[in-house]
Amino acid sequence: MKRTIARLARRLGRYRPVVFFARTVIVPIDRVVAKLTRGKLITGGLRDLPALLLTTTGRRSGEPRTVPLLYLPDGDTFIVIGSNFGQQHHPAWSLNLLANPDATVTVRGKRMTVRAHLAQGEEHDTLLLALKDLWPGYSSYEQWATRRTMRIFRLSPR
């Protein structure tokens, strides 16, 4: 059942009405569910769609900011992309990581500190292809976000 839902999500995740629904309904639900379960359950984190909670430090407020994200596992690191659902501006969490690369991830209820590295050049291009295999919707997001390049970060355990 979960695999069927993940396949359906991958197929539909490139259409604007579905993306709008995900951004306005699914992500807020993910935040609440993740908080209630201390990160053990993220509704978007189906088996085939690995999800984590990323907690950054707000660059202006200094307060912790947590967001659910899909990630690509790469050895002991986590690859995340600042797609912001194809919007024209970068997500706040990516700006926070640029200001302070130290963060925390929670995966299946396990918290760990990480350090973010911004992928550039060939590394960025290679990771982008792998991320598009994970979530084909990133191809649509890339087309919609015409004024920017989506940032990709490698989160390495500290």
N, C-alpha and C. Protein backbone atom coordinates (compact mmCIF):
# COMPACT_ATOMS: atom_id res chain seq x y z
N MET A 1 0.82 -1.20 0.00
CA MET A 1 0.00 0.00 0.00
C MET A 1 0.87 1.27 0.00
N LYS A 2 1.89 1.29 0.88
CA LYS A 2 2.76 2.47 0.95
C LYS A 2 3.50 2.69 -0.36
N ARG A 3 3.92 1.60 -1.00
CA ARG A 3 4.63 1.74 -2.28
C ARG A 3 3.70 2.31 -3.35
N THR A 4 2.44 1.89 -3.34
CA THR A 4 1.47 2.41 -4.29
C THR A 4 1.27 3.90 -4.07
N ILE A 5 1.16 4.32 -2.82
CA ILE A 5 0.98 5.74 -2.50
C ILE A 5 2.22 6.52 -2.91
N ALA A 6 3.40 5.98 -2.66
CA ALA A 6 4.64 6.66 -3.05
C ALA A 6 4.72 6.81 -4.56
N ARG A 7 4.35 5.76 -5.30
CA ARG A 7 4.37 5.85 -6.77
C ARG A 7 3.38 6.90 -7.27
N LEU A 8 2.20 6.90 -6.68
CA LEU A 8 1.19 7.89 -7.06
C LEU A 8 1.67 9.31 -6.72
N ALA A 9 2.27 9.48 -5.57
CA ALA A 9 2.79 10.79 -5.17
C ALA A 9 3.86 11.26 -6.15
N ARG A 10 4.76 10.35 -6.54
CA ARG A 10 5.80 10.70 -7.51
C ARG A 10 5.20 11.16 -8.84
N ARG A 11 4.15 10.47 -9.27
CA ARG A 11 3.52 10.81 -10.55
C ARG A 11 2.80 12.15 -10.49
N LEU A 12 2.07 12.38 -9.40
CA LEU A 12 1.25 13.58 -9.30
C LEU A 12 2.02 14.80 -8.80
N GLY A 13 3.19 14.56 -8.19
CA GLY A 13 3.95 15.63 -7.56
C GLY A 13 4.54 16.66 -8.49
N ARG A 14 4.25 16.58 -9.78
CA ARG A 14 4.79 17.55 -10.73
C ARG A 14 3.72 18.51 -11.25
N TYR A 15 2.49 18.36 -10.74
CA TYR A 15 1.38 19.21 -11.19
C TYR A 15 1.09 20.30 -10.16
N ARG A 16 0.93 21.52 -10.65
CA ARG A 16 0.77 22.68 -9.77
C ARG A 16 -0.34 22.54 -8.72
N PRO A 17 -1.55 22.06 -9.07
CA PRO A 17 -2.58 21.95 -8.03
C PRO A 17 -2.17 20.98 -6.91
N VAL A 18 -1.50 19.89 -7.27
CA VAL A 18 -1.05 18.92 -6.27
C VAL A 18 0.05 19.54 -5.42
N VAL A 19 0.97 20.27 -6.05
CA VAL A 19 2.06 20.92 -5.33
C VAL A 19 1.49 21.97 -4.38
N PHE A 20 0.50 22.73 -4.82
CA PHE A 20 -0.13 23.72 -3.95
C PHE A 20 -0.76 23.02 -2.73
N PHE A 21 -1.46 21.91 -2.98
CA PHE A 21 -2.07 21.15 -1.88
C PHE A 21 -0.99 20.65 -0.91
N ALA A 22 0.09 20.12 -1.44
CA ALA A 22 1.17 19.61 -0.58
C ALA A 22 1.76 20.73 0.26
N ARG A 23 2.02 21.87 -0.37
CA ARG A 23 2.65 23.00 0.33
C ARG A 23 1.74 23.58 1.41
N THR A 24 0.44 23.66 1.13
CA THR A 24 -0.47 24.31 2.06
C THR A 24 -1.15 23.37 3.06
N VAL A 25 -1.21 22.08 2.73
CA VAL A 25 -1.90 21.13 3.61
C VAL A 25 -0.96 20.06 4.17
N ILE A 26 -0.25 19.35 3.30
CA ILE A 26 0.57 18.22 3.74
C ILE A 26 1.73 18.67 4.63
N VAL A 27 2.46 19.70 4.21
CA VAL A 27 3.62 20.15 5.01
C VAL A 27 3.19 20.61 6.41
N PRO A 28 2.13 21.42 6.56
CA PRO A 28 1.71 21.77 7.92
C PRO A 28 1.30 20.55 8.76
N ILE A 29 0.64 19.57 8.11
CA ILE A 29 0.28 18.34 8.83
C ILE A 29 1.55 17.59 9.23
N ASP A 30 2.52 17.50 8.32
CA ASP A 30 3.80 16.86 8.65
C ASP A 30 4.43 17.49 9.88
N ARG A 31 4.41 18.81 9.95
CA ARG A 31 5.02 19.49 11.10
C ARG A 31 4.34 19.10 12.41
N VAL A 32 3.01 19.06 12.41
CA VAL A 32 2.26 18.72 13.61
C VAL A 32 2.49 17.26 14.00
N VAL A 33 2.36 16.36 13.04
CA VAL A 33 2.54 14.92 13.31
C VAL A 33 3.96 14.65 13.79
N ALA A 34 4.93 15.26 13.14
CA ALA A 34 6.33 15.06 13.54
C ALA A 34 6.58 15.57 14.95
N LYS A 35 5.99 16.69 15.29
CA LYS A 35 6.16 17.24 16.64
C LYS A 35 5.53 16.31 17.69
N LEU A 36 4.33 15.83 17.40
CA LEU A 36 3.63 14.95 18.33
C LEU A 36 4.34 13.61 18.53
N THR A 37 5.02 13.13 17.48
CA THR A 37 5.68 11.83 17.55
C THR A 37 7.19 11.95 17.75
N ARG A 38 7.64 13.17 18.03
CA ARG A 38 9.08 13.45 18.21
C ARG A 38 9.90 12.97 17.01
N GLY A 39 9.35 13.20 15.83
CA GLY A 39 10.07 12.88 14.60
C GLY A 39 10.03 11.43 14.17
N LYS A 40 9.30 10.59 14.90
CA LYS A 40 9.24 9.18 14.52
C LYS A 40 8.33 8.94 13.33
N LEU A 41 7.40 9.85 13.11
CA LEU A 41 6.47 9.68 12.01
C LEU A 41 6.34 11.00 11.26
N ILE A 42 6.63 10.93 9.98
CA ILE A 42 6.42 12.07 9.11
C ILE A 42 5.54 11.56 7.98
N THR A 43 4.37 12.15 7.81
CA THR A 43 3.39 11.58 6.88
C THR A 43 3.94 11.49 5.47
N GLY A 44 4.78 12.43 5.05
CA GLY A 44 5.37 12.37 3.72
C GLY A 44 6.48 11.34 3.63
N GLY A 45 6.93 10.83 4.76
CA GLY A 45 8.06 9.92 4.79
C GLY A 45 7.68 8.48 4.54
N LEU A 46 7.08 8.23 3.41
CA LEU A 46 6.77 6.85 3.04
C LEU A 46 8.07 6.10 2.83
N ARG A 47 8.02 4.80 2.90
CA ARG A 47 9.21 3.97 2.80
C ARG A 47 10.08 4.34 1.59
N ASP A 48 9.44 4.55 0.46
CA ASP A 48 10.19 4.87 -0.76
C ASP A 48 10.50 6.35 -0.89
N LEU A 49 9.97 7.15 0.01
CA LEU A 49 10.23 8.59 0.01
C LEU A 49 10.77 8.99 1.38
N PRO A 50 12.06 8.84 1.59
CA PRO A 50 12.62 9.10 2.92
C PRO A 50 12.50 10.57 3.29
N ALA A 51 12.05 10.81 4.51
CA ALA A 51 11.87 12.18 4.99
C ALA A 51 12.60 12.36 6.31
N LEU A 52 13.00 13.60 6.55
CA LEU A 52 13.65 13.95 7.81
C LEU A 52 13.11 15.29 8.27
N LEU A 53 13.40 15.61 9.50
CA LEU A 53 13.13 16.94 10.03
C LEU A 53 14.47 17.65 10.11
N LEU A 54 14.54 18.82 9.51
CA LEU A 54 15.75 19.63 9.57
C LEU A 54 15.47 20.81 10.49
N THR A 55 16.31 20.97 11.50
CA THR A 55 16.19 22.11 12.40
C THR A 55 17.40 23.00 12.22
N THR A 56 17.15 24.21 11.76
CA THR A 56 18.19 25.21 11.56
C THR A 56 18.02 26.30 12.61
N THR A 57 19.00 27.20 12.67
CA THR A 57 18.89 28.37 13.53
C THR A 57 18.50 29.55 12.65
N GLY A 58 17.41 30.21 13.01
CA GLY A 58 16.95 31.36 12.23
C GLY A 58 18.04 32.41 12.13
N ARG A 59 18.31 32.85 10.92
CA ARG A 59 19.43 33.78 10.72
C ARG A 59 19.16 35.14 11.33
N ARG A 60 17.92 35.52 11.48
CA ARG A 60 17.58 36.82 12.10
C ARG A 60 17.15 36.66 13.55
N SER A 61 16.34 35.65 13.80
CA SER A 61 15.76 35.49 15.14
C SER A 61 16.66 34.73 16.09
N GLY A 62 17.51 33.85 15.54
CA GLY A 62 18.32 32.99 16.39
C GLY A 62 17.53 31.84 16.99
N GLU A 63 16.26 31.73 16.62
CA GLU A 63 15.37 30.68 17.14
C GLU A 63 15.46 29.43 16.27
N PRO A 64 15.22 28.26 16.86
CA PRO A 64 15.22 27.03 16.05
C PRO A 64 14.02 27.02 15.09
N ARG A 65 14.28 26.58 13.87
CA ARG A 65 13.26 26.48 12.83
C ARG A 65 13.30 25.07 12.26
N THR A 66 12.17 24.37 12.29
CA THR A 66 12.13 22.97 11.85
C THR A 66 11.22 22.83 10.64
N VAL A 67 11.70 22.06 9.67
CA VAL A 67 10.95 21.82 8.44
C VAL A 67 11.10 20.35 8.03
N PRO A 68 10.00 19.72 7.59
CA PRO A 68 10.11 18.36 7.05
C PRO A 68 10.59 18.42 5.60
N LEU A 69 11.51 17.53 5.24
CA LEU A 69 12.07 17.50 3.89
C LEU A 69 12.27 16.07 3.42
N LEU A 70 12.12 15.85 2.14
CA LEU A 70 12.60 14.60 1.55
C LEU A 70 14.11 14.66 1.54
N TYR A 71 14.76 13.52 1.63
CA TYR A 71 16.21 13.50 1.54
C TYR A 71 16.66 12.29 0.74
N LEU A 72 17.85 12.42 0.22
CA LEU A 72 18.49 11.33 -0.50
C LEU A 72 19.62 10.82 0.38
N PRO A 73 19.56 9.56 0.83
CA PRO A 73 20.68 9.05 1.62
C PRO A 73 21.91 8.85 0.74
N ASP A 74 23.07 9.22 1.25
CA ASP A 74 24.32 9.04 0.54
C ASP A 74 25.39 8.67 1.56
N GLY A 75 25.55 7.36 1.76
CA GLY A 75 26.45 6.91 2.83
C GLY A 75 25.85 7.33 4.17
N ASP A 76 26.66 8.02 4.98
CA ASP A 76 26.14 8.49 6.26
C ASP A 76 25.68 9.95 6.19
N THR A 77 25.57 10.50 4.97
CA THR A 77 25.12 11.87 4.81
C THR A 77 23.71 11.92 4.24
N PHE A 78 23.10 13.08 4.37
CA PHE A 78 21.75 13.31 3.88
C PHE A 78 21.81 14.44 2.85
N ILE A 79 21.23 14.21 1.69
CA ILE A 79 21.21 15.22 0.64
C ILE A 79 19.80 15.82 0.61
N VAL A 80 19.73 17.15 0.73
CA VAL A 80 18.44 17.85 0.68
C VAL A 80 18.52 18.97 -0.36
N ILE A 81 17.37 19.31 -0.90
CA ILE A 81 17.32 20.33 -1.95
C ILE A 81 16.34 21.43 -1.56
N GLY A 82 16.75 22.66 -1.81
CA GLY A 82 15.90 23.82 -1.53
C GLY A 82 14.99 24.11 -2.71
N SER A 83 14.09 23.21 -2.99
CA SER A 83 13.21 23.37 -4.15
C SER A 83 12.12 24.40 -3.88
N ASN A 84 11.68 24.48 -2.64
CA ASN A 84 10.59 25.38 -2.25
C ASN A 84 9.39 25.22 -3.18
N PHE A 85 9.16 23.99 -3.61
CA PHE A 85 8.02 23.65 -4.46
C PHE A 85 8.01 24.46 -5.76
N GLY A 86 9.19 24.89 -6.22
CA GLY A 86 9.28 25.62 -7.48
C GLY A 86 8.97 27.09 -7.39
N GLN A 87 8.85 27.61 -6.17
CA GLN A 87 8.60 29.04 -6.02
C GLN A 87 9.84 29.84 -6.43
N GLN A 88 9.66 31.12 -6.68
CA GLN A 88 10.74 31.96 -7.19
C GLN A 88 11.78 32.31 -6.14
N HIS A 89 11.49 32.12 -4.87
CA HIS A 89 12.45 32.46 -3.82
C HIS A 89 12.96 31.19 -3.13
N HIS A 90 14.17 31.30 -2.60
CA HIS A 90 14.77 30.18 -1.87
C HIS A 90 14.01 29.97 -0.57
N PRO A 91 13.94 28.73 -0.09
CA PRO A 91 13.31 28.48 1.20
C PRO A 91 14.14 29.09 2.33
N ALA A 92 13.47 29.52 3.37
CA ALA A 92 14.15 30.17 4.51
C ALA A 92 15.20 29.25 5.13
N TRP A 93 14.91 27.95 5.18
CA TRP A 93 15.86 27.05 5.82
C TRP A 93 17.20 27.03 5.09
N SER A 94 17.19 27.23 3.75
CA SER A 94 18.46 27.23 3.01
C SER A 94 19.25 28.50 3.33
N LEU A 95 18.56 29.61 3.49
CA LEU A 95 19.23 30.85 3.90
C LEU A 95 19.82 30.69 5.30
N ASN A 96 19.08 30.00 6.17
CA ASN A 96 19.57 29.76 7.53
C ASN A 96 20.84 28.92 7.50
N LEU A 97 20.88 27.89 6.64
CA LEU A 97 22.07 27.05 6.56
C LEU A 97 23.27 27.81 6.01
N LEU A 98 23.03 28.72 5.08
CA LEU A 98 24.13 29.53 4.56
C LEU A 98 24.71 30.43 5.66
N ALA A 99 23.83 30.95 6.52
CA ALA A 99 24.28 31.82 7.61
C ALA A 99 24.94 31.03 8.73
N ASN A 100 24.44 29.82 8.98
CA ASN A 100 24.97 28.96 10.04
C ASN A 100 24.80 27.51 9.61
N PRO A 101 25.87 26.87 9.13
CA PRO A 101 25.75 25.52 8.59
C PRO A 101 25.55 24.41 9.63
N ASP A 102 25.60 24.74 10.90
CA ASP A 102 25.34 23.73 11.94
C ASP A 102 23.84 23.59 12.14
N ALA A 103 23.36 22.34 12.12
CA ALA A 103 21.93 22.07 12.21
C ALA A 103 21.71 20.72 12.88
N THR A 104 20.45 20.35 12.98
CA THR A 104 20.07 19.06 13.55
C THR A 104 19.10 18.39 12.59
N VAL A 105 19.25 17.09 12.40
CA VAL A 105 18.25 16.33 11.64
C VAL A 105 17.66 15.27 12.57
N THR A 106 16.40 14.97 12.32
CA THR A 106 15.72 13.89 13.02
C THR A 106 15.21 12.93 11.95
N VAL A 107 15.68 11.69 12.03
CA VAL A 107 15.28 10.65 11.09
C VAL A 107 14.73 9.48 11.89
N ARG A 108 13.46 9.15 11.64
CA ARG A 108 12.79 8.07 12.37
C ARG A 108 12.96 8.19 13.88
N GLY A 109 12.86 9.41 14.39
CA GLY A 109 12.93 9.66 15.82
C GLY A 109 14.33 9.83 16.38
N LYS A 110 15.35 9.60 15.58
CA LYS A 110 16.73 9.74 16.04
C LYS A 110 17.28 11.10 15.63
N ARG A 111 17.71 11.88 16.63
CA ARG A 111 18.27 13.21 16.37
C ARG A 111 19.79 13.14 16.29
N MET A 112 20.34 13.93 15.35
CA MET A 112 21.79 14.03 15.27
C MET A 112 22.17 15.42 14.77
N THR A 113 23.33 15.87 15.20
CA THR A 113 23.82 17.16 14.72
C THR A 113 24.55 16.94 13.40
N VAL A 114 24.40 17.91 12.52
CA VAL A 114 25.01 17.83 11.20
C VAL A 114 25.63 19.18 10.85
N ARG A 115 26.48 19.12 9.85
CA ARG A 115 27.06 20.34 9.27
C ARG A 115 26.72 20.32 7.79
N ALA A 116 26.22 21.45 7.30
CA ALA A 116 25.77 21.55 5.91
C ALA A 116 26.89 22.04 5.01
N HIS A 117 26.94 21.44 3.84
CA HIS A 117 27.88 21.84 2.79
C HIS A 117 27.05 22.11 1.55
N LEU A 118 27.19 23.31 0.97
CA LEU A 118 26.47 23.67 -0.24
C LEU A 118 27.15 23.04 -1.45
N ALA A 119 26.42 22.21 -2.17
CA ALA A 119 26.97 21.57 -3.37
C ALA A 119 27.00 22.59 -4.51
N GLN A 120 28.09 22.57 -5.25
CA GLN A 120 28.24 23.49 -6.38
C GLN A 120 28.86 22.76 -7.56
N GLY A 121 28.71 23.35 -8.73
CA GLY A 121 29.35 22.81 -9.93
C GLY A 121 28.92 21.40 -10.25
N GLU A 122 29.90 20.56 -10.54
CA GLU A 122 29.64 19.18 -10.95
C GLU A 122 28.93 18.39 -9.85
N GLU A 123 29.32 18.63 -8.59
CA GLU A 123 28.66 17.93 -7.48
C GLU A 123 27.17 18.27 -7.46
N HIS A 124 26.83 19.54 -7.63
CA HIS A 124 25.43 19.97 -7.66
C HIS A 124 24.68 19.25 -8.78
N ASP A 125 25.26 19.25 -9.98
CA ASP A 125 24.60 18.64 -11.14
C ASP A 125 24.38 17.15 -10.95
N THR A 126 25.37 16.46 -10.41
CA THR A 126 25.26 15.01 -10.16
C THR A 126 24.18 14.72 -9.13
N LEU A 127 24.19 15.48 -8.04
CA LEU A 127 23.19 15.27 -6.99
C LEU A 127 21.79 15.62 -7.47
N LEU A 128 21.67 16.65 -8.32
CA LEU A 128 20.36 17.03 -8.84
C LEU A 128 19.75 15.89 -9.65
N LEU A 129 20.54 15.21 -10.45
CA LEU A 129 20.03 14.07 -11.22
C LEU A 129 19.54 12.96 -10.28
N ALA A 130 20.31 12.69 -9.24
CA ALA A 130 19.91 11.64 -8.28
C ALA A 130 18.64 12.05 -7.53
N LEU A 131 18.53 13.33 -7.19
CA LEU A 131 17.33 13.80 -6.50
C LEU A 131 16.10 13.73 -7.40
N LYS A 132 16.28 13.99 -8.69
CA LYS A 132 15.16 13.88 -9.63
C LYS A 132 14.71 12.43 -9.79
N ASP A 133 15.63 11.48 -9.63
CA ASP A 133 15.24 10.07 -9.63
C ASP A 133 14.38 9.75 -8.41
N LEU A 134 14.75 10.35 -7.27
CA LEU A 134 13.98 10.15 -6.04
C LEU A 134 12.60 10.78 -6.15
N TRP A 135 12.55 12.02 -6.63
CA TRP A 135 11.30 12.78 -6.71
C TRP A 135 11.25 13.49 -8.06
N PRO A 136 10.57 12.89 -9.05
CA PRO A 136 10.53 13.48 -10.39
C PRO A 136 9.96 14.90 -10.43
N GLY A 137 9.18 15.26 -9.44
CA GLY A 137 8.63 16.62 -9.37
C GLY A 137 9.68 17.71 -9.35
N TYR A 138 10.91 17.36 -8.92
CA TYR A 138 11.97 18.37 -8.90
C TYR A 138 12.25 18.92 -10.29
N SER A 139 12.01 18.14 -11.32
CA SER A 139 12.18 18.63 -12.70
C SER A 139 11.20 19.77 -12.98
N SER A 140 9.95 19.59 -12.55
CA SER A 140 8.95 20.65 -12.73
C SER A 140 9.32 21.87 -11.88
N TYR A 141 9.72 21.63 -10.65
CA TYR A 141 10.07 22.74 -9.75
C TYR A 141 11.21 23.57 -10.36
N GLU A 142 12.17 22.87 -10.97
CA GLU A 142 13.30 23.56 -11.59
C GLU A 142 12.82 24.46 -12.74
N GLN A 143 11.87 23.99 -13.51
CA GLN A 143 11.32 24.79 -14.61
C GLN A 143 10.54 25.99 -14.09
N TRP A 144 9.80 25.81 -12.98
CA TRP A 144 8.98 26.89 -12.45
C TRP A 144 9.84 27.97 -11.79
N ALA A 145 10.93 27.56 -11.14
CA ALA A 145 11.79 28.51 -10.42
C ALA A 145 12.83 29.08 -11.39
N THR A 146 12.36 29.84 -12.34
CA THR A 146 13.21 30.29 -13.44
C THR A 146 14.27 31.30 -13.02
N ARG A 147 14.07 31.98 -11.91
CA ARG A 147 15.01 33.04 -11.51
C ARG A 147 16.10 32.57 -10.56
N ARG A 148 16.13 31.29 -10.28
CA ARG A 148 17.13 30.82 -9.32
C ARG A 148 17.52 29.37 -9.60
N THR A 149 18.67 29.01 -9.06
CA THR A 149 19.11 27.63 -9.09
C THR A 149 18.79 27.03 -7.72
N MET A 150 18.16 25.88 -7.72
CA MET A 150 17.81 25.26 -6.45
C MET A 150 19.08 24.83 -5.72
N ARG A 151 19.19 25.24 -4.48
CA ARG A 151 20.36 24.89 -3.67
C ARG A 151 20.25 23.44 -3.20
N ILE A 152 21.40 22.77 -3.22
CA ILE A 152 21.48 21.39 -2.72
C ILE A 152 22.53 21.37 -1.62
N PHE A 153 22.17 20.76 -0.50
CA PHE A 153 23.07 20.66 0.64
C PHE A 153 23.35 19.21 0.97
N ARG A 154 24.59 18.96 1.34
CA ARG A 154 24.99 17.67 1.91
C ARG A 154 25.09 17.90 3.42
N LEU A 155 24.31 17.14 4.17
CA LEU A 155 24.30 17.25 5.63
C LEU A 155 25.11 16.08 6.20
N SER A 156 26.25 16.40 6.80
CA SER A 156 27.15 15.37 7.32
C SER A 156 27.09 15.34 8.83
N PRO A 157 26.96 14.13 9.42
CA PRO A 157 26.97 14.03 10.88
C PRO A 157 28.24 14.60 11.47
N ARG A 158 28.12 15.22 12.62
CA ARG A 158 29.27 15.81 13.31
C ARG A 158 29.74 14.89 14.42
